[in-house]
PDB file of N, CA and C in Angstrom:
ATOM      1  N   MET A   1       0.850  -1.210   0.097  1.00  0.00           N
ATOM      2  CA  MET A   1       0.001  -0.007   0.081  1.00  0.00           C
ATOM      3  C   MET A   1       0.943   1.258   0.000  1.00  0.00           C
ATOM      4  N   ALA A   2       0.323   2.262  -0.659  1.00  0.00           N
ATOM      5  CA  ALA A   2       1.140   3.641  -0.677  1.00  0.00           C
ATOM      6  C   ALA A   2       0.096   4.560  -0.550  1.00  0.00           C
ATOM      7  N   ARG A   3       0.546   5.789  -0.029  1.00  0.00           N
ATOM      8  CA  ARG A   3      -0.277   6.810   0.147  1.00  0.00           C
ATOM      9  C   ARG A   3      -0.403   7.740  -0.834  1.00  0.00           C
ATOM     10  N   TYR A   4      -1.585   8.215  -1.185  1.00  0.00           N
ATOM     11  CA  TYR A   4      -1.800   9.086  -2.396  1.00  0.00           C
ATOM     12  C   TYR A   4      -2.499  10.387  -1.902  1.00  0.00           C
ATOM     13  N   TYR A   5      -2.322  11.559  -2.433  1.00  0.00           N
ATOM     14  CA  TYR A   5      -2.808  12.820  -2.085  1.00  0.00           C
ATOM     15  C   TYR A   5      -3.573  13.293  -3.309  1.00  0.00           C
ATOM     16  N   PHE A   6      -4.846  13.804  -3.024  1.00  0.00           N
ATOM     17  CA  PHE A   6      -5.826  14.241  -4.070  1.00  0.00           C
ATOM     18  C   PHE A   6      -5.973  15.741  -3.881  1.00  0.00           C
ATOM     19  N   HIS A   7      -5.408  16.535  -4.664  1.00  0.00           N
ATOM     20  CA  HIS A   7      -5.475  18.066  -4.590  1.00  0.00           C
ATOM     21  C   HIS A   7      -6.417  18.495  -5.645  1.00  0.00           C
ATOM     22  N   PHE A   8      -7.537  19.226  -5.093  1.00  0.00           N
ATOM     23  CA  PHE A   8      -8.633  19.618  -6.014  1.00  0.00           C
ATOM     24  C   PHE A   8      -8.387  21.064  -6.530  1.00  0.00           C
ATOM     25  N   ARG A   9      -8.543  21.207  -7.806  1.00  0.00           N
ATOM     26  CA  ARG A   9      -8.530  22.540  -8.473  1.00  0.00           C
ATOM     27  C   ARG A   9      -9.769  22.718  -9.178  1.00  0.00           C
ATOM     28  N   LYS A  10     -10.225  23.950  -9.006  1.00  0.00           N
ATOM     29  CA  LYS A  10     -11.613  24.371  -9.582  1.00  0.00           C
ATOM     30  C   LYS A  10     -11.557  25.866  -9.845  1.00  0.00           C
ATOM     31  N   GLY A  11     -11.424  26.198 -11.245  1.00  0.00           N
ATOM     32  CA  GLY A  11     -11.137  27.532 -11.559  1.00  0.00           C
ATOM     33  C   GLY A  11      -9.758  28.127 -10.894  1.00  0.00           C
ATOM     34  N   GLN A  12      -9.974  29.041 -10.198  1.00  0.00           N
ATOM     35  CA  GLN A  12      -8.821  29.778  -9.429  1.00  0.00           C
ATOM     36  C   GLN A  12      -8.680  29.092  -7.920  1.00  0.00           C
ATOM     37  N   ASP A  13      -9.682  28.333  -7.515  1.00  0.00           N
ATOM     38  CA  ASP A  13      -9.545  27.729  -6.209  1.00  0.00           C
ATOM     39  C   ASP A  13      -8.723  26.409  -6.260  1.00  0.00           C
ATOM     40  N   PHE A  14      -7.937  26.142  -5.113  1.00  0.00           N
ATOM     41  CA  PHE A  14      -7.072  25.012  -5.004  1.00  0.00           C
ATOM     42  C   PHE A  14      -7.208  24.572  -3.580  1.00  0.00           C
ATOM     43  N   LEU A  15      -7.534  23.235  -3.435  1.00  0.00           N
ATOM     44  CA  LEU A  15      -7.696  22.814  -2.125  1.00  0.00           C
ATOM     45  C   LEU A  15      -6.690  21.628  -1.993  1.00  0.00           C
ATOM     46  N   GLU A  16      -5.644  21.712  -1.087  1.00  0.00           N
ATOM     47  CA  GLU A  16      -4.643  20.715  -0.915  1.00  0.00           C
ATOM     48  C   GLU A  16      -4.962  19.648   0.011  1.00  0.00           C
ATOM     49  N   ASP A  17      -4.873  18.452  -0.462  1.00  0.00           N
ATOM     50  CA  ASP A  17      -5.011  17.325   0.463  1.00  0.00           C
ATOM     51  C   ASP A  17      -3.926  16.935   1.408  1.00  0.00           C
ATOM     52  N   GLU A  18      -4.163  17.168   2.806  1.00  0.00           N
ATOM     53  CA  GLU A  18      -2.968  16.976   3.685  1.00  0.00           C
ATOM     54  C   GLU A  18      -3.054  15.610   4.224  1.00  0.00           C
ATOM     55  N   GLU A  19      -4.138  14.883   4.104  1.00  0.00           N
ATOM     56  CA  GLU A  19      -4.282  13.585   4.744  1.00  0.00           C
ATOM     57  C   GLU A  19      -3.926  12.320   3.802  1.00  0.00           C
ATOM     58  N   GLY A  20      -4.349  12.332   2.544  1.00  0.00           N
ATOM     59  CA  GLY A  20      -4.249  11.417   1.718  1.00  0.00           C
ATOM     60  C   GLY A  20      -4.975  10.194   2.087  1.00  0.00           C
ATOM     61  N   LEU A  21      -4.899   9.160   1.110  1.00  0.00           N
ATOM     62  CA  LEU A  21      -5.516   7.726   1.329  1.00  0.00           C
ATOM     63  C   LEU A  21      -4.440   6.776   1.031  1.00  0.00           C
ATOM     64  N   ASP A  22      -4.522   5.614   1.768  1.00  0.00           N
ATOM     65  CA  ASP A  22      -3.621   4.354   1.461  1.00  0.00           C
ATOM     66  C   ASP A  22      -4.396   3.640   0.407  1.00  0.00           C
ATOM     67  N   LEU A  23      -3.704   3.392  -0.667  1.00  0.00           N
ATOM     68  CA  LEU A  23      -4.359   2.577  -1.764  1.00  0.00           C
ATOM     69  C   LEU A  23      -3.475   1.599  -2.400  1.00  0.00           C
ATOM     70  N   ILE A  24      -3.758   0.667  -3.133  1.00  0.00           N
ATOM     71  CA  ILE A  24      -2.909  -0.364  -3.666  1.00  0.00           C
ATOM     72  C   ILE A  24      -1.935   0.096  -4.682  1.00  0.00           C
ATOM     73  N   ASP A  25      -2.344   0.846  -5.558  1.00  0.00           N
ATOM     74  CA  ASP A  25      -1.539   1.409  -6.636  1.00  0.00           C
ATOM     75  C   ASP A  25      -1.965   2.660  -7.153  1.00  0.00           C
ATOM     76  N   VAL A  26      -1.242   3.314  -8.241  1.00  0.00           N
ATOM     77  CA  VAL A  26      -1.538   4.486  -8.868  1.00  0.00           C
ATOM     78  C   VAL A  26      -2.852   4.339  -9.558  1.00  0.00           C
ATOM     79  N   GLU A  27      -3.099   3.298 -10.343  1.00  0.00           N
ATOM     80  CA  GLU A  27      -4.459   3.163 -11.082  1.00  0.00           C
ATOM     81  C   GLU A  27      -5.733   3.081 -10.141  1.00  0.00           C
ATOM     82  N   THR A  28      -5.540   2.578  -8.920  1.00  0.00           N
ATOM     83  CA  THR A  28      -6.566   2.676  -8.057  1.00  0.00           C
ATOM     84  C   THR A  28      -6.765   4.154  -7.563  1.00  0.00           C
ATOM     85  N   ALA A  29      -5.632   4.887  -7.380  1.00  0.00           N
ATOM     86  CA  ALA A  29      -5.839   6.388  -7.095  1.00  0.00           C
ATOM     87  C   ALA A  29      -6.337   7.068  -8.283  1.00  0.00           C
ATOM     88  N   ARG A  30      -6.055   6.794  -9.499  1.00  0.00           N
ATOM     89  CA  ARG A  30      -6.772   7.403 -10.471  1.00  0.00           C
ATOM     90  C   ARG A  30      -8.246   7.233 -10.552  1.00  0.00           C
ATOM     91  N   MET A  31      -8.746   5.878 -10.303  1.00  0.00           N
ATOM     92  CA  MET A  31     -10.153   5.555 -10.318  1.00  0.00           C
ATOM     93  C   MET A  31     -10.824   6.371  -9.128  1.00  0.00           C
ATOM     94  N   ARG A  32     -10.115   6.481  -7.882  1.00  0.00           N
ATOM     95  CA  ARG A  32     -10.618   7.253  -6.845  1.00  0.00           C
ATOM     96  C   ARG A  32     -10.828   8.697  -7.294  1.00  0.00           C
ATOM     97  N   ALA A  33      -9.847   9.346  -7.903  1.00  0.00           N
ATOM     98  CA  ALA A  33      -9.903  10.606  -8.376  1.00  0.00           C
ATOM     99  C   ALA A  33     -11.151  10.945  -9.479  1.00  0.00           C
ATOM    100  N   ILE A  34     -11.302   9.978 -10.228  1.00  0.00           N
ATOM    101  CA  ILE A  34     -12.399  10.183 -11.319  1.00  0.00           C
ATOM    102  C   ILE A  34     -13.684   9.994 -10.630  1.00  0.00           C
ATOM    103  N   ASP A  35     -13.954   9.166  -9.619  1.00  0.00           N
ATOM    104  CA  ASP A  35     -15.168   9.052  -8.803  1.00  0.00           C
ATOM    105  C   ASP A  35     -15.410  10.442  -8.042  1.00  0.00           C
ATOM    106  N   ALA A  36     -14.462  10.859  -7.351  1.00  0.00           N
ATOM    107  CA  ALA A  36     -14.398  12.207  -6.612  1.00  0.00           C
ATOM    108  C   ALA A  36     -14.735  13.274  -7.444  1.00  0.00           C
ATOM    109  N   LEU A  37     -14.204  13.426  -8.714  1.00  0.00           N
ATOM    110  CA  LEU A  37     -14.373  14.506  -9.689  1.00  0.00           C
ATOM    111  C   LEU A  37     -15.800  14.407 -10.213  1.00  0.00           C
ATOM    112  N   ARG A  38     -16.244  13.213 -10.383  1.00  0.00           N
ATOM    113  CA  ARG A  38     -17.770  13.074 -10.893  1.00  0.00           C
ATOM    114  C   ARG A  38     -18.623  13.551  -9.737  1.00  0.00           C
ATOM    115  N   GLU A  39     -18.342  13.185  -8.557  1.00  0.00           N
ATOM    116  CA  GLU A  39     -19.189  13.731  -7.446  1.00  0.00           C
ATOM    117  C   GLU A  39     -19.214  15.280  -7.494  1.00  0.00           C
ATOM    118  N   MET A  40     -18.133  15.961  -7.623  1.00  0.00           N
ATOM    119  CA  MET A  40     -17.961  17.251  -7.528  1.00  0.00           C
ATOM    120  C   MET A  40     -18.895  17.945  -8.689  1.00  0.00           C
ATOM    121  N   LEU A  41     -18.666  17.167  -9.916  1.00  0.00           N
ATOM    122  CA  LEU A  41     -19.398  17.792 -11.194  1.00  0.00           C
ATOM    123  C   LEU A  41     -21.005  17.513 -10.822  1.00  0.00           C
ATOM    124  N   ALA A  42     -21.363  16.456 -10.217  1.00  0.00           N
ATOM    125  CA  ALA A  42     -22.815  16.139 -10.049  1.00  0.00           C
ATOM    126  C   ALA A  42     -23.393  17.172  -9.064  1.00  0.00           C
ATOM    127  N   SER A  43     -22.427  17.541  -8.109  1.00  0.00           N
ATOM    128  CA  SER A  43     -23.045  18.631  -7.211  1.00  0.00           C
ATOM    129  C   SER A  43     -23.255  19.945  -7.856  1.00  0.00           C
ATOM    130  N   ASP A  44     -22.284  20.344  -8.858  1.00  0.00           N
ATOM    131  CA  ASP A  44     -22.370  21.379  -9.662  1.00  0.00           C
ATOM    132  C   ASP A  44     -23.859  21.468 -10.387  1.00  0.00           C
ATOM    133  N   VAL A  45     -24.029  20.337 -11.056  1.00  0.00           N
ATOM    134  CA  VAL A  45     -25.128  20.214 -11.908  1.00  0.00           C
ATOM    135  C   VAL A  45     -26.580  20.230 -11.071  1.00  0.00           C
ATOM    136  N   ARG A  46     -26.421  19.837  -9.850  1.00  0.00           N
ATOM    137  CA  ARG A  46     -27.638  19.882  -8.966  1.00  0.00           C
ATOM    138  C   ARG A  46     -27.804  21.308  -8.543  1.00  0.00           C
ATOM    139  N   SER A  47     -26.792  22.103  -8.628  1.00  0.00           N
ATOM    140  CA  SER A  47     -26.882  23.535  -8.226  1.00  0.00           C
ATOM    141  C   SER A  47     -27.232  24.317  -9.441  1.00  0.00           C
ATOM    142  N   GLY A  48     -27.372  23.659 -10.574  1.00  0.00           N
ATOM    143  CA  GLY A  48     -27.767  24.404 -11.685  1.00  0.00           C
ATOM    144  C   GLY A  48     -26.678  24.920 -12.808  1.00  0.00           C
ATOM    145  N   PHE A  49     -25.516  24.646 -12.519  1.00  0.00           N
ATOM    146  CA  PHE A  49     -24.380  25.106 -13.328  1.00  0.00           C
ATOM    147  C   PHE A  49     -23.342  23.860 -13.366  1.00  0.00           C
ATOM    148  N   LEU A  50     -22.423  23.967 -14.474  1.00  0.00           N
ATOM    149  CA  LEU A  50     -21.462  23.144 -14.512  1.00  0.00           C
ATOM    150  C   LEU A  50     -20.051  23.894 -14.939  1.00  0.00           C
ATOM    151  N   ASP A  51     -19.103  23.818 -14.095  1.00  0.00           N
ATOM    152  CA  ASP A  51     -17.832  24.491 -14.369  1.00  0.00           C
ATOM    153  C   ASP A  51     -16.831  23.425 -14.641  1.00  0.00           C
ATOM    154  N   ARG A  52     -16.441  23.454 -15.986  1.00  0.00           N
ATOM    155  CA  ARG A  52     -15.611  22.432 -16.414  1.00  0.00           C
ATOM    156  C   ARG A  52     -14.043  22.687 -16.112  1.00  0.00           C
ATOM    157  N   ARG A  53     -13.800  23.810 -15.505  1.00  0.00           N
ATOM    158  CA  ARG A  53     -12.349  24.028 -15.107  1.00  0.00           C
ATOM    159  C   ARG A  53     -12.033  23.497 -13.850  1.00  0.00           C
ATOM    160  N   CYS A  54     -12.065  22.225 -13.684  1.00  0.00           N
ATOM    161  CA  CYS A  54     -11.752  21.498 -12.531  1.00  0.00           C
ATOM    162  C   CYS A  54     -10.920  20.296 -12.803  1.00  0.00           C
ATOM    163  N   ALA A  55     -10.183  19.894 -11.886  1.00  0.00           N
ATOM    164  CA  ALA A  55      -9.187  18.881 -12.027  1.00  0.00           C
ATOM    165  C   ALA A  55      -8.767  18.282 -10.708  1.00  0.00           C
ATOM    166  N   ILE A  56      -8.349  17.018 -10.556  1.00  0.00           N
ATOM    167  CA  ILE A  56      -7.724  16.614  -9.436  1.00  0.00           C
ATOM    168  C   ILE A  56      -6.287  16.085  -9.772  1.00  0.00           C
ATOM    169  N   GLU A  57      -5.413  16.674  -8.865  1.00  0.00           N
ATOM    170  CA  GLU A  57      -4.091  16.386  -9.246  1.00  0.00           C
ATOM    171  C   GLU A  57      -3.561  15.270  -8.205  1.00  0.00           C
ATOM    172  N   ILE A  58      -3.035  14.230  -8.442  1.00  0.00           N
ATOM    173  CA  ILE A  58      -2.619  13.037  -7.569  1.00  0.00           C
ATOM    174  C   ILE A  58      -1.039  13.112  -7.270  1.00  0.00           C
ATOM    175  N   ASP A  59      -0.668  13.167  -6.149  1.00  0.00           N
ATOM    176  CA  ASP A  59       0.744  12.978  -5.564  1.00  0.00           C
ATOM    177  C   ASP A  59       0.895  11.710  -4.916  1.00  0.00           C
ATOM    178  N   ASP A  60       2.150  11.210  -4.924  1.00  0.00           N
ATOM    179  CA  ASP A  60       2.408   9.949  -4.350  1.00  0.00           C
ATOM    180  C   ASP A  60       2.742  10.276  -2.787  1.00  0.00           C
ATOM    181  N   ASP A  61       3.206   9.320  -1.986  1.00  0.00           N
ATOM    182  CA  ASP A  61       3.629   9.412  -0.681  1.00  0.00           C
ATOM    183  C   ASP A  61       4.926  10.373  -0.424  1.00  0.00           C
ATOM    184  N   ARG A  62       5.587  10.571  -1.527  1.00  0.00           N
ATOM    185  CA  ARG A  62       6.835  11.532  -1.454  1.00  0.00           C
ATOM    186  C   ARG A  62       6.395  13.030  -1.928  1.00  0.00           C
ATOM    187  N   HIS A  63       5.016  13.185  -2.302  1.00  0.00           N
ATOM    188  CA  HIS A  63       4.455  14.287  -2.773  1.00  0.00           C
ATOM    189  C   HIS A  63       4.977  14.706  -4.185  1.00  0.00           C
ATOM    190  N   ARG A  64       5.233  13.659  -4.932  1.00  0.00           N
ATOM    191  CA  ARG A  64       5.661  13.865  -6.404  1.00  0.00           C
ATOM    192  C   ARG A  64       4.320  13.539  -7.119  1.00  0.00           C
ATOM    193  N   PRO A  65       4.148  14.412  -8.195  1.00  0.00           N
ATOM    194  CA  PRO A  65       3.053  14.234  -9.108  1.00  0.00           C
ATOM    195  C   PRO A  65       3.080  12.862  -9.777  1.00  0.00           C
ATOM    196  N   VAL A  66       1.887  12.145  -9.799  1.00  0.00           N
ATOM    197  CA  VAL A  66       1.855  10.929 -10.482  1.00  0.00           C
ATOM    198  C   VAL A  66       0.674  10.914 -11.429  1.00  0.00           C
ATOM    199  N   GLY A  67      -0.094  11.921 -11.522  1.00  0.00           N
ATOM    200  CA  GLY A  67      -1.153  12.023 -12.508  1.00  0.00           C
ATOM    201  C   GLY A  67      -2.158  13.123 -12.243  1.00  0.00           C
ATOM    202  N   ALA A  68      -2.996  13.365 -13.017  1.00  0.00           N
ATOM    203  CA  ALA A  68      -4.182  14.403 -12.848  1.00  0.00           C
ATOM    204  C   ALA A  68      -5.373  13.884 -13.666  1.00  0.00           C
ATOM    205  N   ILE A  69      -6.505  14.168 -13.254  1.00  0.00           N
ATOM    206  CA  ILE A  69      -7.625  13.825 -13.844  1.00  0.00           C
ATOM    207  C   ILE A  69      -8.393  15.170 -14.061  1.00  0.00           C
ATOM    208  N   ASP A  70      -8.922  15.484 -15.281  1.00  0.00           N
ATOM    209  CA  ASP A  70      -9.543  16.677 -15.628  1.00  0.00           C
ATOM    210  C   ASP A  70     -10.992  16.436 -15.878  1.00  0.00           C
ATOM    211  N   CYS A  71     -11.854  17.377 -16.128  1.00  0.00           N
ATOM    212  CA  CYS A  71     -13.183  17.224 -16.379  1.00  0.00           C
ATOM    213  C   CYS A  71     -13.442  16.390 -17.386  1.00  0.00           C
ATOM    214  N   ASP A  72     -12.783  16.650 -18.517  1.00  0.00           N
ATOM    215  CA  ASP A  72     -12.941  15.989 -19.823  1.00  0.00           C
ATOM    216  C   ASP A  72     -12.702  14.385 -19.753  1.00  0.00           C
ATOM    217  N   GLU A  73     -11.695  14.009 -18.931  1.00  0.00           N
ATOM    218  CA  GLU A  73     -11.525  12.681 -18.633  1.00  0.00           C
ATOM    219  C   GLU A  73     -12.420  12.027 -17.700  1.00  0.00           C
ATOM    220  N   ALA A  74     -12.936  12.737 -16.836  1.00  0.00           N
ATOM    221  CA  ALA A  74     -13.926  12.187 -15.922  1.00  0.00           C
ATOM    222  C   ALA A  74     -15.301  12.230 -16.442  1.00  0.00           C
ATOM    223  N   LEU A  75     -15.664  12.964 -17.442  1.00  0.00           N
ATOM    224  CA  LEU A  75     -17.053  13.041 -17.809  1.00  0.00           C
ATOM    225  C   LEU A  75     -17.080  13.106 -19.351  1.00  0.00           C
ATOM    226  N   ARG A  76     -17.770  12.276 -20.008  1.00  0.00           N
ATOM    227  CA  ARG A  76     -18.057  12.280 -21.523  1.00  0.00           C
ATOM    228  C   ARG A  76     -19.405  13.153 -21.597  1.00  0.00           C
ATOM    229  N   ILE A  77     -19.263  14.221 -22.439  1.00  0.00           N
ATOM    230  CA  ILE A  77     -20.425  15.020 -22.716  1.00  0.00           C
ATOM    231  C   ILE A  77     -20.830  14.838 -24.149  1.00  0.00           C
ATOM    232  N   ILE A  78     -21.962  14.346 -24.384  1.00  0.00           N
ATOM    233  CA  ILE A  78     -22.603  14.219 -25.781  1.00  0.00           C
ATOM    234  C   ILE A  78     -23.538  15.321 -26.033  1.00  0.00           C
ATOM    235  N   VAL A  79     -23.339  15.849 -27.152  1.00  0.00           N
ATOM    236  CA  VAL A  79     -24.033  17.224 -27.533  1.00  0.00           C
ATOM    237  C   VAL A  79     -24.985  16.857 -28.688  1.00  0.00           C
TER     238      VAL A  79
END
């Protein structure tokens, strides 16, 4: 198990994860980030708007970037 940190970025706002989660691997961390970002987007939609300027940046236990998930990766929009 390794600890991963999920930092939320939305527009100009940035929320740093100081606790992190112990997960099996980086792929599991990416799936967690996708789920969390989808929850954030769903909350926006329930409020009547959708801000696509959002992302979750993933750091490993040494606080090195190992990936990022943005709105376009978490949500497929069909027009």
